[in-house]
Amino acid sequence: MVPEDVDRDHTFLAGVSTGAVPERNLDVAGLPEGLTTKVLSRSGDGSMSHLVSVPGGWGIDEPRRLSATTEIFVLEGSLRIGDHRLEHYSYLRIPAGTAVSGVEAGADGCRFLLFSTGLLEFEPAADGTEHSRLEPRSLHEMSWVASATPGVTPGLLHKRLAEDEETGARTWIIGLIHWGREISKWETHPCAEEVFFLEGAMANGEVFPDGTRMIPYEAGGYFYRPADIGHSGPGSGTGTYVIGLCRSSSAMAVDWHDGPPPFPSRFEAVDFGTL
């Protein structure tokens, strides 16, 4: 079993290591051949989270309109989209319906996270200059902000990348420094949450149908956790630091629990670290 085999709308994907995820050709309508992907998770509506690799010099010659809101976060190399050059730890959100042109990977290629909110297709467009309104962000130019969420254990920092005005869905970077020593409660969220670990290592308590588990994560690790599933209980944390990219399906809130809450019966769970 691989992450692409399950529907994340109904399944908690825990302990995913990108090193163990098979690579395949990226098949997206309107994109030239040559890209490969590791699918991290997918939904029945076509929404997906990928780790995409692009060879040097690859590009799109004609203007294309994106069918779904798309987010790009560069891990290695560079990617040009119109006048925007995305490099290490650069982020760009492209709303659905936006037309782009001048898409080209740098000479050394590019490796990036790709998130779409629906079935992604690159449709022909008469003009591709709409990308000029986009606002890329570089993590290296942003300041860390301490979390102000009541009840959160000290040592949690973040950098906000984007938030959808209609749904409250959020994309942000999380930073944990010597975090977790004082955790006494479990937490749940009313939304789905996914994290791709960029740097560092940590262990995170998770509620499964058969009880609780401590799941280890390091750079390249990933999980997709549907709403209302308990996590981050006592024992969770890092003795050093962790940096991760986080996304939520709607507005983020935290509910606290004195003990591990029951696993929601409407979901299944797969610990990919044990397969």
C-alpha atoms as a PDB file:
ATOM      1  CA  MET A   1       0.000   0.000   0.000  1.00  0.00           C
ATOM      2  CA  VAL A   2       1.122   3.554  -0.834  1.00  0.00           C
ATOM      3  CA  PRO A   3      -0.499   6.901   0.067  1.00  0.00           C
ATOM      4  CA  GLU A   4      -2.071   7.204  -3.381  1.00  0.00           C
ATOM      5  CA  ASP A   5      -4.102   4.036  -2.714  1.00  0.00           C
ATOM      6  CA  VAL A   6      -6.328   5.652  -0.060  1.00  0.00           C
ATOM      7  CA  ASP A   7      -8.757   8.562  -0.002  1.00  0.00           C
ATOM      8  CA  ARG A   8      -7.608  11.073   2.603  1.00  0.00           C
ATOM      9  CA  ASP A   9     -11.180  12.292   3.090  1.00  0.00           C
ATOM     10  CA  HIS A  10     -11.845   8.996   4.856  1.00  0.00           C
ATOM     11  CA  THR A  11      -8.384   7.960   6.075  1.00  0.00           C
ATOM     12  CA  PHE A  12      -5.731   9.259   8.456  1.00  0.00           C
ATOM     13  CA  LEU A  13      -2.338   8.913   6.744  1.00  0.00           C
ATOM     14  CA  ALA A  14       0.393   8.823   9.399  1.00  0.00           C
ATOM     15  CA  GLY A  15       4.126   8.153   9.315  1.00  0.00           C
ATOM     16  CA  VAL A  16       4.594   8.723   5.585  1.00  0.00           C
ATOM     17  CA  SER A  17       8.266   8.865   4.527  1.00  0.00           C
ATOM     18  CA  THR A  18       8.814  10.307   1.057  1.00  0.00           C
ATOM     19  CA  GLY A  19      11.843   8.063   0.642  1.00  0.00           C
ATOM     20  CA  ALA A  20       9.479   5.075   0.636  1.00  0.00           C
ATOM     21  CA  VAL A  21       6.884   6.602  -1.714  1.00  0.00           C
ATOM     22  CA  PRO A  22       7.267   5.381  -5.318  1.00  0.00           C
ATOM     23  CA  GLU A  23       7.961   7.953  -8.003  1.00  0.00           C
ATOM     24  CA  ARG A  24       5.845   8.016 -11.164  1.00  0.00           C
ATOM     25  CA  ASN A  25       5.251  10.260 -14.139  1.00  0.00           C
ATOM     26  CA  LEU A  26       3.090  13.292 -13.370  1.00  0.00           C
ATOM     27  CA  ASP A  27       0.052  13.078 -15.622  1.00  0.00           C
ATOM     28  CA  VAL A  28      -1.743  16.435 -15.675  1.00  0.00           C
ATOM     29  CA  ALA A  29      -3.741  17.602 -18.685  1.00  0.00           C
ATOM     30  CA  GLY A  30      -1.988  20.469 -20.475  1.00  0.00           C
ATOM     31  CA  LEU A  31       1.466  19.851 -18.961  1.00  0.00           C
ATOM     32  CA  PRO A  32       4.351  18.711 -21.169  1.00  0.00           C
ATOM     33  CA  GLU A  33       5.895  15.348 -20.329  1.00  0.00           C
ATOM     34  CA  GLY A  34       9.044  15.024 -18.265  1.00  0.00           C
ATOM     35  CA  LEU A  35       7.820  15.667 -14.713  1.00  0.00           C
ATOM     36  CA  THR A  36       7.752  13.010 -12.009  1.00  0.00           C
ATOM     37  CA  THR A  37       5.883  12.972  -8.730  1.00  0.00           C
ATOM     38  CA  LYS A  38       5.541  11.246  -5.398  1.00  0.00           C
ATOM     39  CA  VAL A  39       1.886  11.463  -4.379  1.00  0.00           C
ATOM     40  CA  LEU A  40       1.654  12.238  -0.668  1.00  0.00           C
ATOM     41  CA  SER A  41      -2.140  12.151  -0.403  1.00  0.00           C
ATOM     42  CA  ARG A  42      -5.247  12.572  -2.514  1.00  0.00           C
ATOM     43  CA  SER A  43      -8.998  13.179  -2.213  1.00  0.00           C
ATOM     44  CA  GLY A  44     -11.869  11.788  -4.248  1.00  0.00           C
ATOM     45  CA  ASP A  45     -12.550  15.248  -5.713  1.00  0.00           C
ATOM     46  CA  GLY A  46      -9.105  15.335  -7.336  1.00  0.00           C
ATOM     47  CA  SER A  47      -7.365  17.437  -4.695  1.00  0.00           C
ATOM     48  CA  MET A  48      -3.810  16.198  -4.205  1.00  0.00           C
ATOM     49  CA  SER A  49      -0.535  16.832  -2.444  1.00  0.00           C
ATOM     50  CA  HIS A  50       2.585  16.000  -4.462  1.00  0.00           C
ATOM     51  CA  LEU A  51       6.335  16.110  -4.272  1.00  0.00           C
ATOM     52  CA  VAL A  52       7.260  17.028  -7.850  1.00  0.00           C
ATOM     53  CA  SER A  53      10.636  16.805  -9.617  1.00  0.00           C
ATOM     54  CA  VAL A  54      11.333  18.828 -12.772  1.00  0.00           C
ATOM     55  CA  PRO A  55      14.394  18.405 -15.037  1.00  0.00           C
ATOM     56  CA  GLY A  56      16.539  21.383 -15.940  1.00  0.00           C
ATOM     57  CA  GLY A  57      15.202  23.467 -18.824  1.00  0.00           C
ATOM     58  CA  TRP A  58      11.688  22.003 -18.708  1.00  0.00           C
ATOM     59  CA  GLY A  59       9.006  24.557 -19.452  1.00  0.00           C
ATOM     60  CA  ILE A  60       5.610  25.479 -20.867  1.00  0.00           C
ATOM     61  CA  ASP A  61       5.664  27.491 -24.085  1.00  0.00           C
ATOM     62  CA  GLU A  62       2.018  28.604 -24.363  1.00  0.00           C
ATOM     63  CA  PRO A  63      -0.155  30.425 -21.787  1.00  0.00           C
ATOM     64  CA  ARG A  64      -2.136  28.075 -19.562  1.00  0.00           C
ATOM     65  CA  ARG A  65      -5.062  28.612 -17.173  1.00  0.00           C
ATOM     66  CA  LEU A  66      -5.116  26.559 -13.967  1.00  0.00           C
ATOM     67  CA  SER A  67      -8.380  24.772 -13.196  1.00  0.00           C
ATOM     68  CA  ALA A  68      -7.819  24.577  -9.412  1.00  0.00           C
ATOM     69  CA  THR A  69      -6.164  26.715  -6.770  1.00  0.00           C
ATOM     70  CA  THR A  70      -2.543  25.580  -6.651  1.00  0.00           C
ATOM     71  CA  GLU A  71       0.250  26.120  -4.145  1.00  0.00           C
ATOM     72  CA  ILE A  72       3.955  25.664  -4.881  1.00  0.00           C
ATOM     73  CA  PHE A  73       6.722  25.472  -2.289  1.00  0.00           C
ATOM     74  CA  VAL A  74      10.249  25.055  -3.662  1.00  0.00           C
ATOM     75  CA  LEU A  75      12.607  22.684  -1.860  1.00  0.00           C
ATOM     76  CA  GLU A  76      15.526  22.595  -4.301  1.00  0.00           C
ATOM     77  CA  GLY A  77      16.540  24.363  -7.498  1.00  0.00           C
ATOM     78  CA  SER A  78      14.492  27.130  -9.092  1.00  0.00           C
ATOM     79  CA  LEU A  79      11.319  27.644 -11.092  1.00  0.00           C
ATOM     80  CA  ARG A  80      10.289  30.710 -13.096  1.00  0.00           C
ATOM     81  CA  ILE A  81       6.638  31.644 -13.541  1.00  0.00           C
ATOM     82  CA  GLY A  82       6.398  34.797 -15.634  1.00  0.00           C
ATOM     83  CA  ASP A  83       8.404  37.489 -13.852  1.00  0.00           C
ATOM     84  CA  HIS A  84       8.573  35.501 -10.621  1.00  0.00           C
ATOM     85  CA  ARG A  85      11.598  33.351  -9.830  1.00  0.00           C
ATOM     86  CA  LEU A  86      10.990  30.831  -7.080  1.00  0.00           C
ATOM     87  CA  GLU A  87      14.038  29.473  -5.286  1.00  0.00           C
ATOM     88  CA  HIS A  88      14.799  27.596  -2.051  1.00  0.00           C
ATOM     89  CA  TYR A  89      11.864  27.880   0.404  1.00  0.00           C
ATOM     90  CA  SER A  90       9.854  30.139  -1.907  1.00  0.00           C
ATOM     91  CA  TYR A  91       6.061  29.877  -1.881  1.00  0.00           C
ATOM     92  CA  LEU A  92       3.438  30.867  -4.447  1.00  0.00           C
ATOM     93  CA  ARG A  93      -0.342  30.509  -4.328  1.00  0.00           C
ATOM     94  CA  ILE A  94      -2.107  30.566  -7.699  1.00  0.00           C
ATOM     95  CA  PRO A  95      -5.910  30.959  -7.456  1.00  0.00           C
ATOM     96  CA  ALA A  96      -8.125  28.812  -9.666  1.00  0.00           C
ATOM     97  CA  GLY A  97      -8.711  30.377 -13.077  1.00  0.00           C
ATOM     98  CA  THR A  98      -5.408  32.246 -13.155  1.00  0.00           C
ATOM     99  CA  ALA A  99      -3.561  32.220 -16.479  1.00  0.00           C
ATOM    100  CA  VAL A 100       0.221  31.870 -16.415  1.00  0.00           C
ATOM    101  CA  SER A 101       3.013  31.851 -18.976  1.00  0.00           C
ATOM    102  CA  GLY A 102       6.792  31.789 -19.035  1.00  0.00           C
ATOM    103  CA  VAL A 103       7.021  28.679 -16.861  1.00  0.00           C
ATOM    104  CA  GLU A 104      10.523  27.190 -16.862  1.00  0.00           C
ATOM    105  CA  ALA A 105      12.753  25.225 -14.504  1.00  0.00           C
ATOM    106  CA  GLY A 106      16.299  26.407 -13.834  1.00  0.00           C
ATOM    107  CA  ALA A 107      19.339  24.729 -15.347  1.00  0.00           C
ATOM    108  CA  ASP A 108      19.662  22.371 -12.378  1.00  0.00           C
ATOM    109  CA  GLY A 109      15.983  21.508 -12.335  1.00  0.00           C
ATOM    110  CA  CYS A 110      13.586  21.957  -9.463  1.00  0.00           C
ATOM    111  CA  ARG A 111      11.940  19.957  -6.701  1.00  0.00           C
ATOM    112  CA  PHE A 112       8.826  21.367  -5.069  1.00  0.00           C
ATOM    113  CA  LEU A 113       5.705  20.581  -3.107  1.00  0.00           C
ATOM    114  CA  LEU A 114       2.535  20.981  -5.162  1.00  0.00           C
ATOM    115  CA  PHE A 115      -0.922  21.242  -3.590  1.00  0.00           C
ATOM    116  CA  SER A 116      -4.187  21.538  -5.527  1.00  0.00           C
ATOM    117  CA  THR A 117      -7.711  22.116  -4.175  1.00  0.00           C
ATOM    118  CA  GLY A 118      -9.367  20.130  -6.980  1.00  0.00           C
ATOM    119  CA  LEU A 119      -8.608  18.303 -10.204  1.00  0.00           C
ATOM    120  CA  LEU A 120      -5.673  20.209 -11.690  1.00  0.00           C
ATOM    121  CA  GLU A 121      -5.555  20.858 -15.424  1.00  0.00           C
ATOM    122  CA  PHE A 122      -3.581  23.414 -17.444  1.00  0.00           C
ATOM    123  CA  GLU A 123      -6.053  24.706 -20.021  1.00  0.00           C
ATOM    124  CA  PRO A 124      -5.025  26.810 -23.058  1.00  0.00           C
ATOM    125  CA  ALA A 125      -5.401  30.554 -22.470  1.00  0.00           C
ATOM    126  CA  ALA A 126      -5.348  33.525 -24.821  1.00  0.00           C
ATOM    127  CA  ASP A 127      -3.165  35.538 -22.462  1.00  0.00           C
ATOM    128  CA  GLY A 128      -0.883  34.447 -19.646  1.00  0.00           C
ATOM    129  CA  THR A 129      -0.058  37.730 -17.951  1.00  0.00           C
ATOM    130  CA  GLU A 130      -2.418  37.250 -14.971  1.00  0.00           C
ATOM    131  CA  HIS A 131       0.517  35.790 -13.032  1.00  0.00           C
ATOM    132  CA  SER A 132       1.812  39.376 -12.645  1.00  0.00           C
ATOM    133  CA  ARG A 133      -0.773  39.855  -9.858  1.00  0.00           C
ATOM    134  CA  LEU A 134       0.598  36.931  -7.834  1.00  0.00           C
ATOM    135  CA  GLU A 135       2.705  37.578  -4.742  1.00  0.00           C
ATOM    136  CA  PRO A 136       5.403  34.969  -4.049  1.00  0.00           C
ATOM    137  CA  ARG A 137       6.890  34.763  -0.570  1.00  0.00           C
ATOM    138  CA  SER A 138      10.336  33.708   0.555  1.00  0.00           C
ATOM    139  CA  LEU A 139      10.659  32.025   3.910  1.00  0.00           C
ATOM    140  CA  HIS A 140      14.134  33.497   4.291  1.00  0.00           C
ATOM    141  CA  GLU A 141      12.676  37.027   4.237  1.00  0.00           C
ATOM    142  CA  MET A 142       9.919  36.389   6.803  1.00  0.00           C
ATOM    143  CA  SER A 143      10.164  36.698  10.590  1.00  0.00           C
ATOM    144  CA  TRP A 144       9.101  34.039  13.060  1.00  0.00           C
ATOM    145  CA  VAL A 145       6.091  34.873  15.231  1.00  0.00           C
ATOM    146  CA  ALA A 146       5.346  33.149  18.542  1.00  0.00           C
ATOM    147  CA  SER A 147       2.032  31.326  18.696  1.00  0.00           C
ATOM    148  CA  ALA A 148      -0.698  33.223  20.574  1.00  0.00           C
ATOM    149  CA  THR A 149      -3.116  30.264  20.731  1.00  0.00           C
ATOM    150  CA  PRO A 150      -4.267  29.809  24.354  1.00  0.00           C
ATOM    151  CA  GLY A 151      -2.997  26.602  25.915  1.00  0.00           C
ATOM    152  CA  VAL A 152      -0.213  25.944  23.406  1.00  0.00           C
ATOM    153  CA  THR A 153       3.081  24.755  24.917  1.00  0.00           C
ATOM    154  CA  PRO A 154       5.806  27.462  24.699  1.00  0.00           C
ATOM    155  CA  GLY A 155       8.314  27.090  21.872  1.00  0.00           C
ATOM    156  CA  LEU A 156       5.837  27.076  18.967  1.00  0.00           C
ATOM    157  CA  LEU A 157       6.604  29.598  16.218  1.00  0.00           C
ATOM    158  CA  HIS A 158       5.048  30.197  12.820  1.00  0.00           C
ATOM    159  CA  LYS A 159       5.253  32.087   9.528  1.00  0.00           C
ATOM    160  CA  ARG A 160       1.890  32.660   7.806  1.00  0.00           C
ATOM    161  CA  LEU A 161       1.983  32.047   4.036  1.00  0.00           C
ATOM    162  CA  ALA A 162      -1.646  32.257   2.916  1.00  0.00           C
ATOM    163  CA  GLU A 163      -5.253  32.121   4.099  1.00  0.00           C
ATOM    164  CA  ASP A 164      -8.396  31.671   2.014  1.00  0.00           C
ATOM    165  CA  GLU A 165     -10.839  34.506   2.755  1.00  0.00           C
ATOM    166  CA  GLU A 166     -13.906  32.336   2.118  1.00  0.00           C
ATOM    167  CA  THR A 167     -13.052  29.037   3.797  1.00  0.00           C
ATOM    168  CA  GLY A 168     -10.378  30.054   6.283  1.00  0.00           C
ATOM    169  CA  ALA A 169      -8.085  27.351   4.881  1.00  0.00           C
ATOM    170  CA  ARG A 170      -4.555  28.226   5.867  1.00  0.00           C
ATOM    171  CA  THR A 171      -0.991  27.480   4.782  1.00  0.00           C
ATOM    172  CA  TRP A 172       1.831  28.250   7.183  1.00  0.00           C
ATOM    173  CA  ILE A 173       5.267  27.229   8.365  1.00  0.00           C
ATOM    174  CA  ILE A 174       5.615  25.848  11.865  1.00  0.00           C
ATOM    175  CA  GLY A 175       8.786  25.935  13.934  1.00  0.00           C
ATOM    176  CA  LEU A 176       9.281  23.999  17.171  1.00  0.00           C
ATOM    177  CA  ILE A 177      12.300  24.632  19.389  1.00  0.00           C
ATOM    178  CA  HIS A 178      12.935  22.222  22.294  1.00  0.00           C
ATOM    179  CA  TRP A 179       9.178  21.821  22.284  1.00  0.00           C
ATOM    180  CA  GLY A 180       6.916  19.418  24.138  1.00  0.00           C
ATOM    181  CA  ARG A 181       8.366  19.000  27.604  1.00  0.00           C
ATOM    182  CA  GLU A 182       5.292  20.502  29.284  1.00  0.00           C
ATOM    183  CA  ILE A 183       2.559  18.824  27.221  1.00  0.00           C
ATOM    184  CA  SER A 184      -0.178  17.394  29.426  1.00  0.00           C
ATOM    185  CA  LYS A 185      -3.255  17.486  27.181  1.00  0.00           C
ATOM    186  CA  TRP A 186      -4.364  16.104  23.830  1.00  0.00           C
ATOM    187  CA  GLU A 187      -5.767  18.293  21.076  1.00  0.00           C
ATOM    188  CA  THR A 188      -8.185  18.052  18.159  1.00  0.00           C
ATOM    189  CA  HIS A 189      -9.047  20.402  15.305  1.00  0.00           C
ATOM    190  CA  PRO A 190     -12.389  20.926  13.513  1.00  0.00           C
ATOM    191  CA  CYS A 191     -10.537  20.769  10.191  1.00  0.00           C
ATOM    192  CA  ALA A 192      -8.148  18.474   8.370  1.00  0.00           C
ATOM    193  CA  GLU A 193      -4.450  19.206   8.815  1.00  0.00           C
ATOM    194  CA  GLU A 194      -1.414  18.073   6.834  1.00  0.00           C
ATOM    195  CA  VAL A 195       2.272  18.613   7.527  1.00  0.00           C
ATOM    196  CA  PHE A 196       5.386  18.059   5.424  1.00  0.00           C
ATOM    197  CA  PHE A 197       8.512  18.107   7.608  1.00  0.00           C
ATOM    198  CA  LEU A 198      11.272  20.250   6.107  1.00  0.00           C
ATOM    199  CA  GLU A 199      13.987  20.027   8.766  1.00  0.00           C
ATOM    200  CA  GLY A 200      14.697  18.464  12.151  1.00  0.00           C
ATOM    201  CA  ALA A 201      13.002  15.539  13.882  1.00  0.00           C
ATOM    202  CA  MET A 202      10.249  14.955  16.415  1.00  0.00           C
ATOM    203  CA  ALA A 203       7.828  12.377  17.777  1.00  0.00           C
ATOM    204  CA  ASN A 204       4.101  13.032  17.790  1.00  0.00           C
ATOM    205  CA  GLY A 205       1.418  11.239  19.774  1.00  0.00           C
ATOM    206  CA  GLU A 206      -1.505  10.125  17.623  1.00  0.00           C
ATOM    207  CA  VAL A 207      -4.853   8.495  18.390  1.00  0.00           C
ATOM    208  CA  PHE A 208      -5.595   5.384  16.298  1.00  0.00           C
ATOM    209  CA  PRO A 209      -8.657   3.105  16.312  1.00  0.00           C
ATOM    210  CA  ASP A 210      -6.764   0.625  18.516  1.00  0.00           C
ATOM    211  CA  GLY A 211      -5.257   3.175  20.906  1.00  0.00           C
ATOM    212  CA  THR A 212      -2.433   5.724  20.923  1.00  0.00           C
ATOM    213  CA  ARG A 213       0.930   5.591  19.165  1.00  0.00           C
ATOM    214  CA  MET A 214       4.038   7.750  19.138  1.00  0.00           C
ATOM    215  CA  ILE A 215       4.942   8.416  15.495  1.00  0.00           C
ATOM    216  CA  PRO A 216       8.497   9.556  14.629  1.00  0.00           C
ATOM    217  CA  TYR A 217       8.993  12.183  11.922  1.00  0.00           C
ATOM    218  CA  GLU A 218      12.070  13.676  10.311  1.00  0.00           C
ATOM    219  CA  ALA A 219      12.844  15.728   7.192  1.00  0.00           C
ATOM    220  CA  GLY A 220      10.802  14.314   4.310  1.00  0.00           C
ATOM    221  CA  GLY A 221       8.134  12.953   6.659  1.00  0.00           C
ATOM    222  CA  TYR A 222       4.443  13.682   6.086  1.00  0.00           C
ATOM    223  CA  PHE A 223       0.985  13.133   7.505  1.00  0.00           C
ATOM    224  CA  TYR A 224      -2.599  14.001   6.580  1.00  0.00           C
ATOM    225  CA  ARG A 225      -4.926  13.997   9.568  1.00  0.00           C
ATOM    226  CA  PRO A 226      -8.705  14.467   9.056  1.00  0.00           C
ATOM    227  CA  ALA A 227     -10.754  16.559  11.480  1.00  0.00           C
ATOM    228  CA  ASP A 228     -11.426  15.596  15.112  1.00  0.00           C
ATOM    229  CA  ILE A 229      -8.581  13.077  15.505  1.00  0.00           C
ATOM    230  CA  GLY A 230      -6.646  13.417  18.761  1.00  0.00           C
ATOM    231  CA  HIS A 231      -2.915  14.095  18.669  1.00  0.00           C
ATOM    232  CA  SER A 232       0.118  15.750  20.309  1.00  0.00           C
ATOM    233  CA  GLY A 233      -0.421  14.251  23.751  1.00  0.00           C
ATOM    234  CA  PRO A 234       2.181  13.708  26.513  1.00  0.00           C
ATOM    235  CA  GLY A 235       5.506  12.481  25.157  1.00  0.00           C
ATOM    236  CA  SER A 236       5.236  14.456  21.933  1.00  0.00           C
ATOM    237  CA  GLY A 237       7.936  16.922  20.991  1.00  0.00           C
ATOM    238  CA  THR A 238      11.509  17.507  19.918  1.00  0.00           C
ATOM    239  CA  GLY A 239      14.715  17.835  21.868  1.00  0.00           C
ATOM    240  CA  THR A 240      16.205  19.987  19.114  1.00  0.00           C
ATOM    241  CA  TYR A 241      14.004  21.660  16.517  1.00  0.00           C
ATOM    242  CA  VAL A 242      11.526  21.005  13.701  1.00  0.00           C
ATOM    243  CA  ILE A 243      10.402  23.066  10.721  1.00  0.00           C
ATOM    244  CA  GLY A 244       7.368  21.949   8.749  1.00  0.00           C
ATOM    245  CA  LEU A 245       4.920  23.211   6.137  1.00  0.00           C
ATOM    246  CA  CYS A 246       1.330  22.981   7.389  1.00  0.00           C
ATOM    247  CA  ARG A 247      -2.032  23.251   5.645  1.00  0.00           C
ATOM    248  CA  SER A 248      -5.566  23.197   7.037  1.00  0.00           C
ATOM    249  CA  SER A 249      -8.784  22.512   5.115  1.00  0.00           C
ATOM    250  CA  SER A 250     -10.659  25.360   6.855  1.00  0.00           C
ATOM    251  CA  ALA A 251     -10.258  27.745   9.774  1.00  0.00           C
ATOM    252  CA  MET A 252      -7.905  26.356  12.425  1.00  0.00           C
ATOM    253  CA  ALA A 253      -9.016  26.061  16.049  1.00  0.00           C
ATOM    254  CA  VAL A 254      -7.842  23.887  18.947  1.00  0.00           C
ATOM    255  CA  ASP A 255      -9.967  21.848  21.371  1.00  0.00           C
ATOM    256  CA  TRP A 256      -8.117  20.483  24.417  1.00  0.00           C
ATOM    257  CA  HIS A 257      -8.683  17.083  26.072  1.00  0.00           C
ATOM    258  CA  ASP A 258      -7.391  15.763  29.400  1.00  0.00           C
ATOM    259  CA  GLY A 259      -6.953  12.292  27.860  1.00  0.00           C
ATOM    260  CA  PRO A 260      -6.827  10.826  24.368  1.00  0.00           C
ATOM    261  CA  PRO A 261     -10.265  11.314  22.751  1.00  0.00           C
ATOM    262  CA  PRO A 262     -11.854   8.330  20.949  1.00  0.00           C
ATOM    263  CA  PHE A 263     -10.935   7.843  17.309  1.00  0.00           C
ATOM    264  CA  PRO A 264     -13.844   9.048  15.087  1.00  0.00           C
ATOM    265  CA  SER A 265     -15.675   5.985  13.718  1.00  0.00           C
ATOM    266  CA  ARG A 266     -16.190   7.633  10.318  1.00  0.00           C
ATOM    267  CA  PHE A 267     -12.458   7.381   9.531  1.00  0.00           C
ATOM    268  CA  GLU A 268      -9.856   4.702   9.024  1.00  0.00           C
ATOM    269  CA  ALA A 269      -6.126   5.053   9.769  1.00  0.00           C
ATOM    270  CA  VAL A 270      -2.914   3.796   8.180  1.00  0.00           C
ATOM    271  CA  ASP A 271       0.518   4.026   9.829  1.00  0.00           C
ATOM    272  CA  PHE A 272       2.785   3.935   6.779  1.00  0.00           C
ATOM    273  CA  GLY A 273       5.831   3.736   9.008  1.00  0.00           C
ATOM    274  CA  THR A 274       4.904   0.150   9.903  1.00  0.00           C
ATOM    275  CA  LEU A 275       4.186  -1.133   6.373  1.00  0.00           C
END
